[in-house]
């Protein structure tokens, strides 16, 4: 009986840890995506300014 109880508790803890890990990875992916979007938006604005300047000088 003790083995069954230990096995059941181990399974429940394992499932909870997997769920927590999935949530943590989801948050990490969301933060990375936000950083990438911010960088691309900033670089896009700077590149637009650069191309406008070069186009004006041509």
PDB file of N, CA and C in Angstrom:
ATOM      1  N   UNK A   1       0.829  -1.201   0.000  1.00  0.00           N
ATOM      2  CA  UNK A   1       0.000   0.000   0.000  1.00  0.00           C
ATOM      3  C   UNK A   1       0.868   1.257   0.000  1.00  0.00           C
ATOM      4  N   UNK A   2       1.960   1.224   0.763  1.00  0.00           N
ATOM      5  CA  UNK A   2       2.832   2.399   0.818  1.00  0.00           C
ATOM      6  C   UNK A   2       3.447   2.682  -0.555  1.00  0.00           C
ATOM      7  N   UNK A   3       3.794   1.591  -1.276  1.00  0.00           N
ATOM      8  CA  UNK A   3       4.385   1.781  -2.598  1.00  0.00           C
ATOM      9  C   UNK A   3       3.387   2.426  -3.558  1.00  0.00           C
ATOM     10  N   UNK A   4       2.139   1.969  -3.478  1.00  0.00           N
ATOM     11  CA  UNK A   4       1.101   2.526  -4.340  1.00  0.00           C
ATOM     12  C   UNK A   4       0.901   4.008  -4.048  1.00  0.00           C
ATOM     13  N   UNK A   5       0.863   4.345  -2.754  1.00  0.00           N
ATOM     14  CA  UNK A   5       0.690   5.744  -2.359  1.00  0.00           C
ATOM     15  C   UNK A   5       1.878   6.586  -2.832  1.00  0.00           C
ATOM     16  N   UNK A   6       3.100   6.059  -2.643  1.00  0.00           N
ATOM     17  CA  UNK A   6       4.298   6.792  -3.065  1.00  0.00           C
ATOM     18  C   UNK A   6       4.314   6.966  -4.583  1.00  0.00           C
ATOM     19  N   UNK A   7       3.914   5.927  -5.294  1.00  0.00           N
ATOM     20  CA  UNK A   7       3.884   6.008  -6.752  1.00  0.00           C
ATOM     21  C   UNK A   7       2.847   7.032  -7.219  1.00  0.00           C
ATOM     22  N   UNK A   8       1.689   7.037  -6.591  1.00  0.00           N
ATOM     23  CA  UNK A   8       0.629   7.986  -6.945  1.00  0.00           C
ATOM     24  C   UNK A   8       1.071   9.418  -6.673  1.00  0.00           C
ATOM     25  N   UNK A   9       1.650   9.634  -5.510  1.00  0.00           N
ATOM     26  CA  UNK A   9       2.119  10.983  -5.152  1.00  0.00           C
ATOM     27  C   UNK A   9       3.235  11.413  -6.097  1.00  0.00           C
ATOM     28  N   UNK A  10       4.148  10.500  -6.430  1.00  0.00           N
ATOM     29  CA  UNK A  10       5.235  10.809  -7.358  1.00  0.00           C
ATOM     30  C   UNK A  10       4.706  11.196  -8.727  1.00  0.00           C
ATOM     31  N   UNK A  11       3.671  10.493  -9.179  1.00  0.00           N
ATOM     32  CA  UNK A  11       3.073  10.807 -10.480  1.00  0.00           C
ATOM     33  C   UNK A  11       2.427  12.182 -10.463  1.00  0.00           C
ATOM     34  N   UNK A  12       1.708  12.500  -9.409  1.00  0.00           N
ATOM     35  CA  UNK A  12       1.043  13.806  -9.306  1.00  0.00           C
ATOM     36  C   UNK A  12       2.075  14.923  -9.266  1.00  0.00           C
ATOM     37  N   UNK A  13       3.137  14.744  -8.495  1.00  0.00           N
ATOM     38  CA  UNK A  13       4.186  15.762  -8.419  1.00  0.00           C
ATOM     39  C   UNK A  13       4.866  15.910  -9.772  1.00  0.00           C
ATOM     40  N   UNK A  14       5.117  14.809 -10.444  1.00  0.00           N
ATOM     41  CA  UNK A  14       5.760  14.856 -11.761  1.00  0.00           C
ATOM     42  C   UNK A  14       4.903  15.615 -12.767  1.00  0.00           C
ATOM     43  N   UNK A  15       3.599  15.361 -12.763  1.00  0.00           N
ATOM     44  CA  UNK A  15       2.695  16.062 -13.684  1.00  0.00           C
ATOM     45  C   UNK A  15       2.669  17.554 -13.372  1.00  0.00           C
ATOM     46  N   UNK A  16       2.626  17.896 -12.100  1.00  0.00           N
ATOM     47  CA  UNK A  16       2.610  19.320 -11.735  1.00  0.00           C
ATOM     48  C   UNK A  16       3.891  20.009 -12.154  1.00  0.00           C
ATOM     49  N   UNK A  17       5.028  19.320 -12.001  1.00  0.00           N
ATOM     50  CA  UNK A  17       6.297  19.925 -12.390  1.00  0.00           C
ATOM     51  C   UNK A  17       6.368  20.111 -13.898  1.00  0.00           C
ATOM     52  N   UNK A  18       5.842  19.149 -14.655  1.00  0.00           N
ATOM     53  CA  UNK A  18       5.827  19.294 -16.109  1.00  0.00           C
ATOM     54  C   UNK A  18       4.948  20.470 -16.512  1.00  0.00           C
ATOM     55  N   UNK A  19       3.822  20.631 -15.847  1.00  0.00           N
ATOM     56  CA  UNK A  19       2.935  21.749 -16.142  1.00  0.00           C
ATOM     57  C   UNK A  19       3.590  23.079 -15.834  1.00  0.00           C
ATOM     58  N   UNK A  20       4.289  23.148 -14.712  1.00  0.00           N
ATOM     59  CA  UNK A  20       4.979  24.380 -14.332  1.00  0.00           C
ATOM     60  C   UNK A  20       6.095  24.683 -15.322  1.00  0.00           C
ATOM     61  N   UNK A  21       6.795  23.652 -15.744  1.00  0.00           N
ATOM     62  CA  UNK A  21       7.877  23.853 -16.706  1.00  0.00           C
ATOM     63  C   UNK A  21       7.324  24.367 -18.028  1.00  0.00           C
ATOM     64  N   UNK A  22       6.205  23.822 -18.465  1.00  0.00           N
ATOM     65  CA  UNK A  22       5.597  24.280 -19.715  1.00  0.00           C
ATOM     66  C   UNK A  22       5.191  25.749 -19.612  1.00  0.00           C
ATOM     67  N   UNK A  23       4.652  26.140 -18.480  1.00  0.00           N
ATOM     68  CA  UNK A  23       4.261  27.538 -18.285  1.00  0.00           C
ATOM     69  C   UNK A  23       5.495  28.439 -18.295  1.00  0.00           C
ATOM     70  N   UNK A  24       6.547  27.996 -17.641  1.00  0.00           N
ATOM     71  CA  UNK A  24       7.776  28.794 -17.612  1.00  0.00           C
ATOM     72  C   UNK A  24       8.356  28.954 -19.016  1.00  0.00           C
ATOM     73  N   UNK A  25       8.354  27.876 -19.800  1.00  0.00           N
ATOM     74  CA  UNK A  25       8.841  27.982 -21.174  1.00  0.00           C
ATOM     75  C   UNK A  25       7.946  28.901 -21.998  1.00  0.00           C
ATOM     76  N   UNK A  26       6.669  28.854 -21.773  1.00  0.00           N
ATOM     77  CA  UNK A  26       5.747  29.734 -22.484  1.00  0.00           C
ATOM     78  C   UNK A  26       6.020  31.193 -22.183  1.00  0.00           C
ATOM     79  N   UNK A  27       6.254  31.497 -20.917  1.00  0.00           N
ATOM     80  CA  UNK A  27       6.574  32.878 -20.523  1.00  0.00           C
ATOM     81  C   UNK A  27       7.893  33.312 -21.144  1.00  0.00           C
ATOM     82  N   UNK A  28       8.883  32.412 -21.138  1.00  0.00           N
ATOM     83  CA  UNK A  28      10.184  32.735 -21.702  1.00  0.00           C
ATOM     84  C   UNK A  28      10.075  33.004 -23.210  1.00  0.00           C
ATOM     85  N   UNK A  29       9.309  32.200 -23.915  1.00  0.00           N
ATOM     86  CA  UNK A  29       9.117  32.397 -25.355  1.00  0.00           C
ATOM     87  C   UNK A  29       8.405  33.719 -25.622  1.00  0.00           C
ATOM     88  N   UNK A  30       7.416  34.058 -24.800  1.00  0.00           N
ATOM     89  CA  UNK A  30       6.696  35.322 -24.971  1.00  0.00           C
ATOM     90  C   UNK A  30       7.631  36.518 -24.761  1.00  0.00           C
ATOM     91  N   UNK A  31       8.494  36.440 -23.760  1.00  0.00           N
ATOM     92  CA  UNK A  31       9.439  37.538 -23.510  1.00  0.00           C
ATOM     93  C   UNK A  31      10.445  37.674 -24.657  1.00  0.00           C
ATOM     94  N   UNK A  32      10.936  36.545 -25.151  1.00  0.00           N
ATOM     95  CA  UNK A  32      11.874  36.587 -26.276  1.00  0.00           C
ATOM     96  C   UNK A  32      11.200  37.192 -27.501  1.00  0.00           C
ATOM     97  N   UNK A  33       9.953  36.814 -27.751  1.00  0.00           N
ATOM     98  CA  UNK A  33       9.212  37.369 -28.892  1.00  0.00           C
ATOM     99  C   UNK A  33       9.035  38.878 -28.731  1.00  0.00           C
ATOM    100  N   UNK A  34       8.737  39.332 -27.519  1.00  0.00           N
ATOM    101  CA  UNK A  34       8.565  40.769 -27.284  1.00  0.00           C
ATOM    102  C   UNK A  34       9.868  41.523 -27.545  1.00  0.00           C
ATOM    103  N   UNK A  35      10.983  40.956 -27.129  1.00  0.00           N
ATOM    104  CA  UNK A  35      12.281  41.595 -27.358  1.00  0.00           C
ATOM    105  C   UNK A  35      12.580  41.652 -28.854  1.00  0.00           C
ATOM    106  N   UNK A  36      12.323  40.561 -29.563  1.00  0.00           N
ATOM    107  CA  UNK A  36      12.584  40.535 -31.006  1.00  0.00           C
ATOM    108  C   UNK A  36      11.718  41.567 -31.731  1.00  0.00           C
ATOM    109  N   UNK A  37      10.451  41.661 -31.364  1.00  0.00           N
ATOM    110  CA  UNK A  37       9.550  42.637 -31.999  1.00  0.00           C
ATOM    111  C   UNK A  37      10.036  44.059 -31.744  1.00  0.00           C
ATOM    112  N   UNK A  38      10.466  44.333 -30.523  1.00  0.00           N
ATOM    113  CA  UNK A  38      10.969  45.669 -30.183  1.00  0.00           C
ATOM    114  C   UNK A  38      12.214  46.010 -30.994  1.00  0.00           C
ATOM    115  N   UNK A  39      13.128  45.052 -31.099  1.00  0.00           N
ATOM    116  CA  UNK A  39      14.373  45.295 -31.848  1.00  0.00           C
ATOM    117  C   UNK A  39      14.077  45.515 -33.328  1.00  0.00           C
ATOM    118  N   UNK A  40      13.219  44.692 -33.895  1.00  0.00           N
ATOM    119  CA  UNK A  40      12.890  44.825 -35.317  1.00  0.00           C
ATOM    120  C   UNK A  40      12.201  46.165 -35.587  1.00  0.00           C
ATOM    121  N   UNK A  41      11.302  46.575 -34.709  1.00  0.00           N
ATOM    122  CA  UNK A  41      10.615  47.855 -34.891  1.00  0.00           C
ATOM    123  C   UNK A  41      11.606  49.016 -34.824  1.00  0.00           C
ATOM    124  N   UNK A  42      12.529  48.951 -33.880  1.00  0.00           N
ATOM    125  CA  UNK A  42      13.520  50.020 -33.731  1.00  0.00           C
ATOM    126  C   UNK A  42      14.450  50.071 -34.936  1.00  0.00           C
ATOM    127  N   UNK A  43      14.945  48.908 -35.339  1.00  0.00           N
ATOM    128  CA  UNK A  43      15.837  48.882 -36.498  1.00  0.00           C
ATOM    129  C   UNK A  43      15.110  49.306 -37.762  1.00  0.00           C
ATOM    130  N   UNK A  44      13.854  48.925 -37.894  1.00  0.00           N
ATOM    131  CA  UNK A  44      13.075  49.324 -39.065  1.00  0.00           C
ATOM    132  C   UNK A  44      12.958  50.831 -39.177  1.00  0.00           C
ATOM    133  N   UNK A  45      12.711  51.475 -38.053  1.00  0.00           N
ATOM    134  CA  UNK A  45      12.602  52.939 -38.037  1.00  0.00           C
ATOM    135  C   UNK A  45      13.939  53.576 -38.405  1.00  0.00           C
ATOM    136  N   UNK A  46      15.018  53.063 -37.846  1.00  0.00           N
ATOM    137  CA  UNK A  46      16.342  53.613 -38.144  1.00  0.00           C
ATOM    138  C   UNK A  46      16.722  53.389 -39.605  1.00  0.00           C
ATOM    139  N   UNK A  47      16.419  52.210 -40.137  1.00  0.00           N
ATOM    140  CA  UNK A  47      16.732  51.934 -41.538  1.00  0.00           C
ATOM    141  C   UNK A  47      15.915  52.810 -42.479  1.00  0.00           C
ATOM    142  N   UNK A  48      14.684  53.052 -42.120  1.00  0.00           N
ATOM    143  CA  UNK A  48      13.850  53.922 -42.949  1.00  0.00           C
ATOM    144  C   UNK A  48      14.459  55.323 -43.025  1.00  0.00           C
ATOM    145  N   UNK A  49      14.911  55.812 -41.878  1.00  0.00           N
ATOM    146  CA  UNK A  49      15.573  57.119 -41.844  1.00  0.00           C
ATOM    147  C   UNK A  49      16.842  57.142 -42.669  1.00  0.00           C
ATOM    148  N   UNK A  50      17.610  56.076 -42.593  1.00  0.00           N
ATOM    149  CA  UNK A  50      18.852  55.996 -43.355  1.00  0.00           C
ATOM    150  C   UNK A  50      18.572  55.978 -44.854  1.00  0.00           C
ATOM    151  N   UNK A  51      17.605  55.162 -45.280  1.00  0.00           N
ATOM    152  CA  UNK A  51      17.271  55.098 -46.713  1.00  0.00           C
ATOM    153  C   UNK A  51      16.684  56.413 -47.204  1.00  0.00           C
ATOM    154  N   UNK A  52      15.924  57.086 -46.371  1.00  0.00           N
ATOM    155  CA  UNK A  52      15.374  58.384 -46.753  1.00  0.00           C
ATOM    156  C   UNK A  52      16.495  59.391 -46.964  1.00  0.00           C
ATOM    157  N   UNK A  53      17.478  59.384 -46.079  1.00  0.00           N
ATOM    158  CA  UNK A  53      18.621  60.293 -46.194  1.00  0.00           C
ATOM    159  C   UNK A  53      19.415  60.004 -47.464  1.00  0.00           C
ATOM    160  N   UNK A  54      19.695  58.731 -47.710  1.00  0.00           N
ATOM    161  CA  UNK A  54      20.471  58.355 -48.902  1.00  0.00           C
ATOM    162  C   UNK A  54      19.681  58.702 -50.170  1.00  0.00           C
ATOM    163  N   UNK A  55      18.392  58.446 -50.159  1.00  0.00           N
ATOM    164  CA  UNK A  55      17.562  58.753 -51.319  1.00  0.00           C
ATOM    165  C   UNK A  55      17.532  60.254 -51.582  1.00  0.00           C
ATOM    166  N   UNK A  56      17.486  61.040 -50.523  1.00  0.00           N
ATOM    167  CA  UNK A  56      17.475  62.489 -50.684  1.00  0.00           C
ATOM    168  C   UNK A  56      18.779  63.023 -51.254  1.00  0.00           C
ATOM    169  N   UNK A  57      19.891  62.374 -50.918  1.00  0.00           N
ATOM    170  CA  UNK A  57      21.180  62.836 -51.417  1.00  0.00           C
ATOM    171  C   UNK A  57      21.459  62.388 -52.840  1.00  0.00           C
ATOM    172  N   UNK A  58      20.727  61.375 -53.295  1.00  0.00           N
ATOM    173  CA  UNK A  58      20.922  60.936 -54.686  1.00  0.00           C
ATOM    174  C   UNK A  58      20.194  61.886 -55.597  1.00  0.00           C
TER     175      UNK A  58
END
